[in-house]
Amino acid sequence: LQTVPSLAMLAILLTLTQKIGAVPAVIALVLYALLPIVRNTL
């Protein structure tokens, strides 16, 4: 997930959710936040 450019991720989620605004933005931010949290917890 970290290898996908930010704008590309937003565009993909925009297509999948068929919504603009906070929903695809929050999903994208969550996906980018997972790696440091999961890795540091481990």
PDB file of all heavy atoms in Angstrom:
ATOM      1  N   LEU A   1       0.823  -1.208   0.000  1.00  0.00           N
ATOM      2  CA  LEU A   1       0.000   0.000   0.000  1.00  0.00           C
ATOM      3  C   LEU A   1       0.859   1.261   0.000  1.00  0.00           C
ATOM      4  O   LEU A   1       0.461   2.290  -0.550  1.00  0.00           O
ATOM      5  CB  LEU A   1      -0.930   0.002   1.215  1.00  0.00           C
ATOM      6  CG  LEU A   1      -1.973  -1.118   1.274  1.00  0.00           C
ATOM      7  CD1 LEU A   1      -2.713  -1.070   2.601  1.00  0.00           C
ATOM      8  CD2 LEU A   1      -2.959  -0.994   0.109  1.00  0.00           C
ATOM      9  N   GLN A   2       2.032   1.178   0.639  1.00  0.00           N
ATOM     10  CA  GLN A   2       2.901   2.359   0.720  1.00  0.00           C
ATOM     11  C   GLN A   2       3.534   2.710  -0.617  1.00  0.00           C
ATOM     12  O   GLN A   2       4.025   3.825  -0.801  1.00  0.00           O
ATOM     13  CB  GLN A   2       4.015   2.107   1.747  1.00  0.00           C
ATOM     14  CG  GLN A   2       3.516   1.789   3.143  1.00  0.00           C
ATOM     15  CD  GLN A   2       2.845   2.974   3.793  1.00  0.00           C
ATOM     16  OE1 GLN A   2       3.372   4.073   3.783  1.00  0.00           O
ATOM     17  NE2 GLN A   2       1.674   2.748   4.372  1.00  0.00           N
ATOM     18  N   THR A   3       3.556   1.750  -1.551  1.00  0.00           N
ATOM     19  CA  THR A   3       4.190   2.005  -2.850  1.00  0.00           C
ATOM     20  C   THR A   3       3.261   2.745  -3.815  1.00  0.00           C
ATOM     21  O   THR A   3       3.718   3.224  -4.850  1.00  0.00           O
ATOM     22  CB  THR A   3       4.635   0.683  -3.501  1.00  0.00           C
ATOM     23  OG1 THR A   3       3.479  -0.113  -3.818  1.00  0.00           O
ATOM     24  CG2 THR A   3       5.533  -0.107  -2.551  1.00  0.00           C
ATOM     25  N   VAL A   4       1.981   2.817  -3.478  1.00  0.00           N
ATOM     26  CA  VAL A   4       1.025   3.505  -4.351  1.00  0.00           C
ATOM     27  C   VAL A   4       1.108   5.004  -4.089  1.00  0.00           C
ATOM     28  O   VAL A   4       0.955   5.438  -2.946  1.00  0.00           O
ATOM     29  CB  VAL A   4      -0.414   3.012  -4.093  1.00  0.00           C
ATOM     30  CG1 VAL A   4      -1.400   3.719  -5.029  1.00  0.00           C
ATOM     31  CG2 VAL A   4      -0.502   1.502  -4.258  1.00  0.00           C
ATOM     32  N   PRO A   5       1.379   5.812  -5.110  1.00  0.00           N
ATOM     33  CA  PRO A   5       1.439   7.271  -4.894  1.00  0.00           C
ATOM     34  C   PRO A   5       0.144   7.802  -4.297  1.00  0.00           C
ATOM     35  O   PRO A   5      -0.945   7.278  -4.564  1.00  0.00           O
ATOM     36  CB  PRO A   5       1.673   7.822  -6.308  1.00  0.00           C
ATOM     37  CG  PRO A   5       2.280   6.681  -7.065  1.00  0.00           C
ATOM     38  CD  PRO A   5       1.672   5.440  -6.498  1.00  0.00           C
ATOM     39  N   SER A   6       0.261   8.851  -3.503  1.00  0.00           N
ATOM     40  CA  SER A   6      -0.890   9.372  -2.756  1.00  0.00           C
ATOM     41  C   SER A   6      -2.031   9.777  -3.676  1.00  0.00           C
ATOM     42  O   SER A   6      -3.191   9.426  -3.436  1.00  0.00           O
ATOM     43  CB  SER A   6      -0.457  10.574  -1.909  1.00  0.00           C
ATOM     44  OG  SER A   6       0.619  10.239  -1.080  1.00  0.00           O
ATOM     45  N   LEU A   7      -1.728  10.536  -4.732  1.00  0.00           N
ATOM     46  CA  LEU A   7      -2.785  10.977  -5.636  1.00  0.00           C
ATOM     47  C   LEU A   7      -3.435   9.795  -6.349  1.00  0.00           C
ATOM     48  O   LEU A   7      -4.654   9.794  -6.575  1.00  0.00           O
ATOM     49  CB  LEU A   7      -2.228  11.967  -6.660  1.00  0.00           C
ATOM     50  CG  LEU A   7      -1.994  13.394  -6.160  1.00  0.00           C
ATOM     51  CD1 LEU A   7      -1.359  14.241  -7.246  1.00  0.00           C
ATOM     52  CD2 LEU A   7      -3.307  14.030  -5.715  1.00  0.00           C
ATOM     53  N   ALA A   8      -2.624   8.788  -6.696  1.00  0.00           N
ATOM     54  CA  ALA A   8      -3.179   7.601  -7.340  1.00  0.00           C
ATOM     55  C   ALA A   8      -4.103   6.858  -6.378  1.00  0.00           C
ATOM     56  O   ALA A   8      -5.176   6.384  -6.776  1.00  0.00           O
ATOM     57  CB  ALA A   8      -2.052   6.680  -7.809  1.00  0.00           C
ATOM     58  N   MET A   9      -3.710   6.763  -5.114  1.00  0.00           N
ATOM     59  CA  MET A   9      -4.553   6.106  -4.112  1.00  0.00           C
ATOM     60  C   MET A   9      -5.882   6.835  -3.970  1.00  0.00           C
ATOM     61  O   MET A   9      -6.947   6.209  -3.903  1.00  0.00           O
ATOM     62  CB  MET A   9      -3.828   6.071  -2.771  1.00  0.00           C
ATOM     63  CG  MET A   9      -4.634   5.429  -1.642  1.00  0.00           C
ATOM     64  SD  MET A   9      -4.868   3.658  -1.847  1.00  0.00           S
ATOM     65  CE  MET A   9      -3.235   3.067  -1.320  1.00  0.00           C
ATOM     66  N   LEU A  10      -5.832   8.170  -3.913  1.00  0.00           N
ATOM     67  CA  LEU A  10      -7.069   8.941  -3.801  1.00  0.00           C
ATOM     68  C   LEU A  10      -7.953   8.733  -5.022  1.00  0.00           C
ATOM     69  O   LEU A  10      -9.182   8.606  -4.899  1.00  0.00           O
ATOM     70  CB  LEU A  10      -6.735  10.422  -3.629  1.00  0.00           C
ATOM     71  CG  LEU A  10      -6.121  10.832  -2.285  1.00  0.00           C
ATOM     72  CD1 LEU A  10      -5.629  12.271  -2.337  1.00  0.00           C
ATOM     73  CD2 LEU A  10      -7.134  10.680  -1.156  1.00  0.00           C
ATOM     74  N   ALA A  11      -7.345   8.678  -6.205  1.00  0.00           N
ATOM     75  CA  ALA A  11      -8.122   8.469  -7.426  1.00  0.00           C
ATOM     76  C   ALA A  11      -8.765   7.085  -7.438  1.00  0.00           C
ATOM     77  O   ALA A  11      -9.930   6.926  -7.828  1.00  0.00           O
ATOM     78  CB  ALA A  11      -7.230   8.648  -8.650  1.00  0.00           C
ATOM     79  N   ILE A  12      -8.014   6.069  -6.991  1.00  0.00           N
ATOM     80  CA  ILE A  12      -8.554   4.703  -6.941  1.00  0.00           C
ATOM     81  C   ILE A  12      -9.739   4.635  -5.981  1.00  0.00           C
ATOM     82  O   ILE A  12     -10.794   4.069  -6.296  1.00  0.00           O
ATOM     83  CB  ILE A  12      -7.450   3.719  -6.513  1.00  0.00           C
ATOM     84  CG1 ILE A  12      -6.391   3.602  -7.612  1.00  0.00           C
ATOM     85  CG2 ILE A  12      -8.045   2.343  -6.205  1.00  0.00           C
ATOM     86  CD1 ILE A  12      -5.143   2.847  -7.192  1.00  0.00           C
ATOM     87  N   LEU A  13      -9.565   5.210  -4.793  1.00  0.00           N
ATOM     88  CA  LEU A  13     -10.639   5.166  -3.799  1.00  0.00           C
ATOM     89  C   LEU A  13     -11.829   6.001  -4.230  1.00  0.00           C
ATOM     90  O   LEU A  13     -12.979   5.667  -3.906  1.00  0.00           O
ATOM     91  CB  LEU A  13     -10.111   5.643  -2.446  1.00  0.00           C
ATOM     92  CG  LEU A  13      -9.094   4.711  -1.795  1.00  0.00           C
ATOM     93  CD1 LEU A  13      -8.475   5.348  -0.564  1.00  0.00           C
ATOM     94  CD2 LEU A  13      -9.770   3.396  -1.399  1.00  0.00           C
ATOM     95  N   LEU A  14     -11.570   7.082  -4.954  1.00  0.00           N
ATOM     96  CA  LEU A  14     -12.661   7.893  -5.492  1.00  0.00           C
ATOM     97  C   LEU A  14     -13.504   7.056  -6.446  1.00  0.00           C
ATOM     98  O   LEU A  14     -14.743   7.128  -6.434  1.00  0.00           O
ATOM     99  CB  LEU A  14     -12.087   9.116  -6.211  1.00  0.00           C
ATOM    100  CG  LEU A  14     -13.057  10.207  -6.648  1.00  0.00           C
ATOM    101  CD1 LEU A  14     -13.671  10.883  -5.445  1.00  0.00           C
ATOM    102  CD2 LEU A  14     -12.334  11.226  -7.504  1.00  0.00           C
ATOM    103  N   THR A  15     -12.839   6.243  -7.261  1.00  0.00           N
ATOM    104  CA  THR A  15     -13.551   5.375  -8.204  1.00  0.00           C
ATOM    105  C   THR A  15     -14.309   4.267  -7.478  1.00  0.00           C
ATOM    106  O   THR A  15     -15.456   3.965  -7.808  1.00  0.00           O
ATOM    107  CB  THR A  15     -12.556   4.755  -9.201  1.00  0.00           C
ATOM    108  OG1 THR A  15     -11.844   5.803  -9.877  1.00  0.00           O
ATOM    109  CG2 THR A  15     -13.277   3.900 -10.226  1.00  0.00           C
ATOM    110  N   LEU A  16     -13.673   3.673  -6.473  1.00  0.00           N
ATOM    111  CA  LEU A  16     -14.292   2.551  -5.765  1.00  0.00           C
ATOM    112  C   LEU A  16     -15.472   2.984  -4.911  1.00  0.00           C
ATOM    113  O   LEU A  16     -16.496   2.294  -4.855  1.00  0.00           O
ATOM    114  CB  LEU A  16     -13.243   1.845  -4.889  1.00  0.00           C
ATOM    115  CG  LEU A  16     -12.113   1.131  -5.632  1.00  0.00           C
ATOM    116  CD1 LEU A  16     -11.112   0.553  -4.641  1.00  0.00           C
ATOM    117  CD2 LEU A  16     -12.671   0.020  -6.513  1.00  0.00           C
ATOM    118  N   THR A  17     -15.340   4.106  -4.219  1.00  0.00           N
ATOM    119  CA  THR A  17     -16.409   4.540  -3.328  1.00  0.00           C
ATOM    120  C   THR A  17     -17.484   5.342  -4.035  1.00  0.00           C
ATOM    121  O   THR A  17     -18.587   5.505  -3.508  1.00  0.00           O
ATOM    122  CB  THR A  17     -15.843   5.403  -2.183  1.00  0.00           C
ATOM    123  OG1 THR A  17     -15.221   6.581  -2.730  1.00  0.00           O
ATOM    124  CG2 THR A  17     -14.807   4.627  -1.388  1.00  0.00           C
ATOM    125  N   GLN A  18     -17.161   5.857  -5.242  1.00  0.00           N
ATOM    126  CA  GLN A  18     -18.096   6.705  -5.990  1.00  0.00           C
ATOM    127  C   GLN A  18     -18.530   7.913  -5.169  1.00  0.00           C
ATOM    128  O   GLN A  18     -19.673   8.367  -5.248  1.00  0.00           O
ATOM    129  CB  GLN A  18     -19.331   5.894  -6.414  1.00  0.00           C
ATOM    130  CG  GLN A  18     -19.038   4.793  -7.402  1.00  0.00           C
ATOM    131  CD  GLN A  18     -18.543   5.344  -8.743  1.00  0.00           C
ATOM    132  OE1 GLN A  18     -19.177   6.200  -9.343  1.00  0.00           O
ATOM    133  NE2 GLN A  18     -17.402   4.858  -9.201  1.00  0.00           N
ATOM    134  N   LYS A  19     -17.612   8.427  -4.352  1.00  0.00           N
ATOM    135  CA  LYS A  19     -17.901   9.582  -3.515  1.00  0.00           C
ATOM    136  C   LYS A  19     -16.712  10.539  -3.551  1.00  0.00           C
ATOM    137  O   LYS A  19     -15.578  10.108  -3.717  1.00  0.00           O
ATOM    138  CB  LYS A  19     -18.163   9.167  -2.062  1.00  0.00           C
ATOM    139  CG  LYS A  19     -19.484   8.462  -1.830  1.00  0.00           C
ATOM    140  CD  LYS A  19     -19.662   8.126  -0.363  1.00  0.00           C
ATOM    141  CE  LYS A  19     -21.025   7.510  -0.111  1.00  0.00           C
ATOM    142  NZ  LYS A  19     -22.121   8.461  -0.332  1.00  0.00           N
ATOM    143  N   ILE A  20     -17.014  11.818  -3.361  1.00  0.00           N
ATOM    144  CA  ILE A  20     -15.959  12.773  -3.106  1.00  0.00           C
ATOM    145  C   ILE A  20     -15.985  13.125  -1.633  1.00  0.00           C
ATOM    146  O   ILE A  20     -16.901  12.749  -0.905  1.00  0.00           O
ATOM    147  CB  ILE A  20     -16.135  14.054  -3.949  1.00  0.00           C
ATOM    148  CG1 ILE A  20     -17.427  14.788  -3.545  1.00  0.00           C
ATOM    149  CG2 ILE A  20     -16.112  13.761  -5.422  1.00  0.00           C
ATOM    150  CD1 ILE A  20     -17.535  16.184  -4.088  1.00  0.00           C
ATOM    151  N   GLY A  21     -14.956  13.819  -1.167  1.00  0.00           N
ATOM    152  CA  GLY A  21     -14.985  14.302   0.209  1.00  0.00           C
ATOM    153  C   GLY A  21     -14.230  13.440   1.189  1.00  0.00           C
ATOM    154  O   GLY A  21     -13.233  12.780   0.852  1.00  0.00           O
ATOM    155  N   ALA A  22     -14.728  13.401   2.416  1.00  0.00           N
ATOM    156  CA  ALA A  22     -13.964  12.835   3.531  1.00  0.00           C
ATOM    157  C   ALA A  22     -13.827  11.328   3.469  1.00  0.00           C
ATOM    158  O   ALA A  22     -12.825  10.784   3.942  1.00  0.00           O
ATOM    159  CB  ALA A  22     -14.622  13.244   4.855  1.00  0.00           C
ATOM    160  N   VAL A  23     -14.820  10.623   2.924  1.00  0.00           N
ATOM    161  CA  VAL A  23     -14.794   9.148   2.981  1.00  0.00           C
ATOM    162  C   VAL A  23     -13.568   8.567   2.281  1.00  0.00           C
ATOM    163  O   VAL A  23     -12.777   7.835   2.904  1.00  0.00           O
ATOM    164  CB  VAL A  23     -16.102   8.556   2.417  1.00  0.00           C
ATOM    165  CG1 VAL A  23     -16.008   7.035   2.316  1.00  0.00           C
ATOM    166  CG2 VAL A  23     -17.278   8.940   3.299  1.00  0.00           C
ATOM    167  N   PRO A  24     -13.349   8.831   0.983  1.00  0.00           N
ATOM    168  CA  PRO A  24     -12.136   8.270   0.362  1.00  0.00           C
ATOM    169  C   PRO A  24     -10.852   8.844   0.953  1.00  0.00           C
ATOM    170  O   PRO A  24      -9.837   8.145   1.014  1.00  0.00           O
ATOM    171  CB  PRO A  24     -12.288   8.666  -1.118  1.00  0.00           C
ATOM    172  CG  PRO A  24     -13.234   9.817  -1.129  1.00  0.00           C
ATOM    173  CD  PRO A  24     -14.158   9.594   0.012  1.00  0.00           C
ATOM    174  N   ALA A  25     -10.886  10.101   1.415  1.00  0.00           N
ATOM    175  CA  ALA A  25      -9.681  10.698   2.005  1.00  0.00           C
ATOM    176  C   ALA A  25      -9.290   9.995   3.293  1.00  0.00           C
ATOM    177  O   ALA A  25      -8.117   9.656   3.504  1.00  0.00           O
ATOM    178  CB  ALA A  25      -9.908  12.188   2.270  1.00  0.00           C
ATOM    179  N   VAL A  26     -10.261   9.729   4.165  1.00  0.00           N
ATOM    180  CA  VAL A  26      -9.966   9.050   5.431  1.00  0.00           C
ATOM    181  C   VAL A  26      -9.485   7.619   5.180  1.00  0.00           C
ATOM    182  O   VAL A  26      -8.545   7.146   5.824  1.00  0.00           O
ATOM    183  CB  VAL A  26     -11.208   9.056   6.349  1.00  0.00           C
ATOM    184  CG1 VAL A  26     -11.007   8.128   7.536  1.00  0.00           C
ATOM    185  CG2 VAL A  26     -11.489  10.470   6.839  1.00  0.00           C
ATOM    186  N   ILE A  27     -10.120   6.925   4.227  1.00  0.00           N
ATOM    187  CA  ILE A  27      -9.686   5.557   3.916  1.00  0.00           C
ATOM    188  C   ILE A  27      -8.226   5.556   3.450  1.00  0.00           C
ATOM    189  O   ILE A  27      -7.422   4.722   3.875  1.00  0.00           O
ATOM    190  CB  ILE A  27     -10.598   4.935   2.845  1.00  0.00           C
ATOM    191  CG1 ILE A  27     -12.018   4.753   3.385  1.00  0.00           C
ATOM    192  CG2 ILE A  27     -10.038   3.583   2.384  1.00  0.00           C
ATOM    193  CD1 ILE A  27     -13.013   4.277   2.353  1.00  0.00           C
ATOM    194  N   ALA A  28      -7.879   6.495   2.567  1.00  0.00           N
ATOM    195  CA  ALA A  28      -6.500   6.579   2.078  1.00  0.00           C
ATOM    196  C   ALA A  28      -5.526   6.856   3.215  1.00  0.00           C
ATOM    197  O   ALA A  28      -4.460   6.228   3.317  1.00  0.00           O
ATOM    198  CB  ALA A  28      -6.390   7.666   1.011  1.00  0.00           C
ATOM    199  N   LEU A  29      -5.866   7.773   4.099  1.00  0.00           N
ATOM    200  CA  LEU A  29      -4.982   8.114   5.221  1.00  0.00           C
ATOM    201  C   LEU A  29      -4.821   6.938   6.164  1.00  0.00           C
ATOM    202  O   LEU A  29      -3.736   6.705   6.718  1.00  0.00           O
ATOM    203  CB  LEU A  29      -5.532   9.330   5.963  1.00  0.00           C
ATOM    204  CG  LEU A  29      -5.507  10.653   5.189  1.00  0.00           C
ATOM    205  CD1 LEU A  29      -6.248  11.745   5.959  1.00  0.00           C
ATOM    206  CD2 LEU A  29      -4.077  11.091   4.916  1.00  0.00           C
ATOM    207  N   VAL A  30      -5.893   6.187   6.380  1.00  0.00           N
ATOM    208  CA  VAL A  30      -5.801   4.996   7.232  1.00  0.00           C
ATOM    209  C   VAL A  30      -4.847   3.976   6.622  1.00  0.00           C
ATOM    210  O   VAL A  30      -3.993   3.395   7.316  1.00  0.00           O
ATOM    211  CB  VAL A  30      -7.196   4.372   7.441  1.00  0.00           C
ATOM    212  CG1 VAL A  30      -7.077   2.988   8.086  1.00  0.00           C
ATOM    213  CG2 VAL A  30      -8.060   5.274   8.317  1.00  0.00           C
ATOM    214  N   LEU A  31      -4.975   3.741   5.318  1.00  0.00           N
ATOM    215  CA  LEU A  31      -4.115   2.760   4.655  1.00  0.00           C
ATOM    216  C   LEU A  31      -2.642   3.140   4.752  1.00  0.00           C
ATOM    217  O   LEU A  31      -1.776   2.283   4.956  1.00  0.00           O
ATOM    218  CB  LEU A  31      -4.538   2.612   3.186  1.00  0.00           C
ATOM    219  CG  LEU A  31      -5.925   2.009   2.949  1.00  0.00           C
ATOM    220  CD1 LEU A  31      -6.246   1.966   1.459  1.00  0.00           C
ATOM    221  CD2 LEU A  31      -6.033   0.620   3.544  1.00  0.00           C
ATOM    222  N   TYR A  32      -2.344   4.447   4.606  1.00  0.00           N
ATOM    223  CA  TYR A  32      -0.957   4.892   4.706  1.00  0.00           C
ATOM    224  C   TYR A  32      -0.444   4.855   6.141  1.00  0.00           C
ATOM    225  O   TYR A  32       0.761   4.755   6.365  1.00  0.00           O
ATOM    226  CB  TYR A  32      -0.808   6.304   4.145  1.00  0.00           C
ATOM    227  CG  TYR A  32      -0.749   6.346   2.637  1.00  0.00           C
ATOM    228  CD1 TYR A  32      -1.759   6.939   1.898  1.00  0.00           C
ATOM    229  CD2 TYR A  32       0.314   5.779   1.946  1.00  0.00           C
ATOM    230  CE1 TYR A  32      -1.717   6.976   0.511  1.00  0.00           C
ATOM    231  CE2 TYR A  32       0.368   5.802   0.564  1.00  0.00           C
ATOM    232  CZ  TYR A  32      -0.653   6.403  -0.150  1.00  0.00           C
ATOM    233  OH  TYR A  32      -0.598   6.418  -1.521  1.00  0.00           O
ATOM    234  N   ALA A  33      -1.341   4.954   7.115  1.00  0.00           N
ATOM    235  CA  ALA A  33      -0.910   4.963   8.510  1.00  0.00           C
ATOM    236  C   ALA A  33      -0.674   3.567   9.066  1.00  0.00           C
ATOM    237  O   ALA A  33      -0.044   3.415  10.125  1.00  0.00           O
ATOM    238  CB  ALA A  33      -1.953   5.681   9.366  1.00  0.00           C
ATOM    239  N   LEU A  34      -1.159   2.541   8.387  1.00  0.00           N
ATOM    240  CA  LEU A  34      -1.089   1.184   8.951  1.00  0.00           C
ATOM    241  C   LEU A  34       0.336   0.673   9.096  1.00  0.00           C
ATOM    242  O   LEU A  34       0.687   0.069  10.113  1.00  0.00           O
ATOM    243  CB  LEU A  34      -1.903   0.223   8.076  1.00  0.00           C
ATOM    244  CG  LEU A  34      -3.414   0.256   8.249  1.00  0.00           C
ATOM    245  CD1 LEU A  34      -4.078  -0.735   7.299  1.00  0.00           C
ATOM    246  CD2 LEU A  34      -3.794  -0.059   9.687  1.00  0.00           C
ATOM    247  N   LEU A  35       1.173   0.886   8.079  1.00  0.00           N
ATOM    248  CA  LEU A  35       2.501   0.263   8.091  1.00  0.00           C
ATOM    249  C   LEU A  35       3.335   0.667   9.307  1.00  0.00           C
ATOM    250  O   LEU A  35       3.847  -0.210  10.013  1.00  0.00           O
ATOM    251  CB  LEU A  35       3.245   0.574   6.798  1.00  0.00           C
ATOM    252  CG  LEU A  35       4.626  -0.096   6.674  1.00  0.00           C
ATOM    253  CD1 LEU A  35       4.491  -1.604   6.699  1.00  0.00           C
ATOM    254  CD2 LEU A  35       5.330   0.348   5.401  1.00  0.00           C
ATOM    255  N   PRO A  36       3.535   1.958   9.605  1.00  0.00           N
ATOM    256  CA  PRO A  36       4.349   2.287  10.785  1.00  0.00           C
ATOM    257  C   PRO A  36       3.741   1.788  12.091  1.00  0.00           C
ATOM    258  O   PRO A  36       4.480   1.390  13.009  1.00  0.00           O
ATOM    259  CB  PRO A  36       4.417   3.821  10.760  1.00  0.00           C
ATOM    260  CG  PRO A  36       3.306   4.256   9.877  1.00  0.00           C
ATOM    261  CD  PRO A  36       3.112   3.172   8.885  1.00  0.00           C
ATOM    262  N   ILE A  37       2.419   1.775  12.197  1.00  0.00           N
ATOM    263  CA  ILE A  37       1.796   1.319  13.442  1.00  0.00           C
ATOM    264  C   ILE A  37       1.943  -0.191  13.597  1.00  0.00           C
ATOM    265  O   ILE A  37       2.331  -0.688  14.669  1.00  0.00           O
ATOM    266  CB  ILE A  37       0.312   1.741  13.477  1.00  0.00           C
ATOM    267  CG1 ILE A  37       0.201   3.263  13.539  1.00  0.00           C
ATOM    268  CG2 ILE A  37      -0.399   1.104  14.668  1.00  0.00           C
ATOM    269  CD1 ILE A  37      -1.221   3.781  13.488  1.00  0.00           C
ATOM    270  N   VAL A  38       1.659  -0.940  12.538  1.00  0.00           N
ATOM    271  CA  VAL A  38       1.775  -2.404  12.607  1.00  0.00           C
ATOM    272  C   VAL A  38       3.225  -2.811  12.828  1.00  0.00           C
ATOM    273  O   VAL A  38       3.530  -3.650  13.697  1.00  0.00           O
ATOM    274  CB  VAL A  38       1.219  -3.046  11.313  1.00  0.00           C
ATOM    275  CG1 VAL A  38       1.512  -4.549  11.302  1.00  0.00           C
ATOM    276  CG2 VAL A  38      -0.274  -2.795  11.193  1.00  0.00           C
ATOM    277  N   ARG A  39       4.133  -2.229  12.073  1.00  0.00           N
ATOM    278  CA  ARG A  39       5.544  -2.606  12.176  1.00  0.00           C
ATOM    279  C   ARG A  39       6.115  -2.254  13.545  1.00  0.00           C
ATOM    280  O   ARG A  39       6.860  -3.056  14.141  1.00  0.00           O
ATOM    281  CB  ARG A  39       6.338  -1.920  11.067  1.00  0.00           C
ATOM    282  CG  ARG A  39       7.804  -2.294  11.041  1.00  0.00           C
ATOM    283  CD  ARG A  39       8.466  -1.791   9.782  1.00  0.00           C
ATOM    284  NE  ARG A  39       8.040  -2.553   8.604  1.00  0.00           N
ATOM    285  CZ  ARG A  39       8.343  -2.216   7.366  1.00  0.00           C
ATOM    286  NH1 ARG A  39       9.041  -1.122   7.127  1.00  0.00           N
ATOM    287  NH2 ARG A  39       7.946  -2.971   6.347  1.00  0.00           N
ATOM    288  N   ASN A  40       5.790  -1.099  14.079  1.00  0.00           N
ATOM    289  CA  ASN A  40       6.325  -0.715  15.382  1.00  0.00           C
ATOM    290  C   ASN A  40       5.703  -1.527  16.509  1.00  0.00           C
ATOM    291  O   ASN A  40       6.367  -1.812  17.510  1.00  0.00           O
ATOM    292  CB  ASN A  40       6.100   0.776  15.629  1.00  0.00           C
ATOM    293  CG  ASN A  40       7.146   1.636  14.956  1.00  0.00           C
ATOM    294  OD1 ASN A  40       7.455   1.433  13.782  1.00  0.00           O
ATOM    295  ND2 ASN A  40       7.715   2.582  15.675  1.00  0.00           N
ATOM    296  N   THR A  41       4.432  -1.886  16.366  1.00  0.00           N
ATOM    297  CA  THR A  41       3.819  -2.766  17.367  1.00  0.00           C
ATOM    298  C   THR A  41       4.527  -4.107  17.391  1.00  0.00           C
ATOM    299  O   THR A  41       4.855  -4.639  18.471  1.00  0.00           O
ATOM    300  CB  THR A  41       2.325  -2.956  17.067  1.00  0.00           C
ATOM    301  OG1 THR A  41       1.668  -1.688  17.077  1.00  0.00           O
ATOM    302  CG2 THR A  41       1.669  -3.854  18.101  1.00  0.00           C
ATOM    303  N   LEU A  42       4.790  -4.664  16.216  1.00  0.00           N
ATOM    304  CA  LEU A  42       5.512  -5.944  16.129  1.00  0.00           C
ATOM    305  C   LEU A  42       6.914  -5.815  16.699  1.00  0.00           C
ATOM    306  O   LEU A  42       7.358  -6.656  17.489  1.00  0.00           O
ATOM    307  CB  LEU A  42       5.566  -6.380  14.661  1.00  0.00           C
ATOM    308  CG  LEU A  42       6.436  -7.605  14.343  1.00  0.00           C
ATOM    309  CD1 LEU A  42       5.920  -8.840  15.072  1.00  0.00           C
ATOM    310  CD2 LEU A  42       6.499  -7.833  12.838  1.00  0.00           C
TER     311      LEU A  42
END
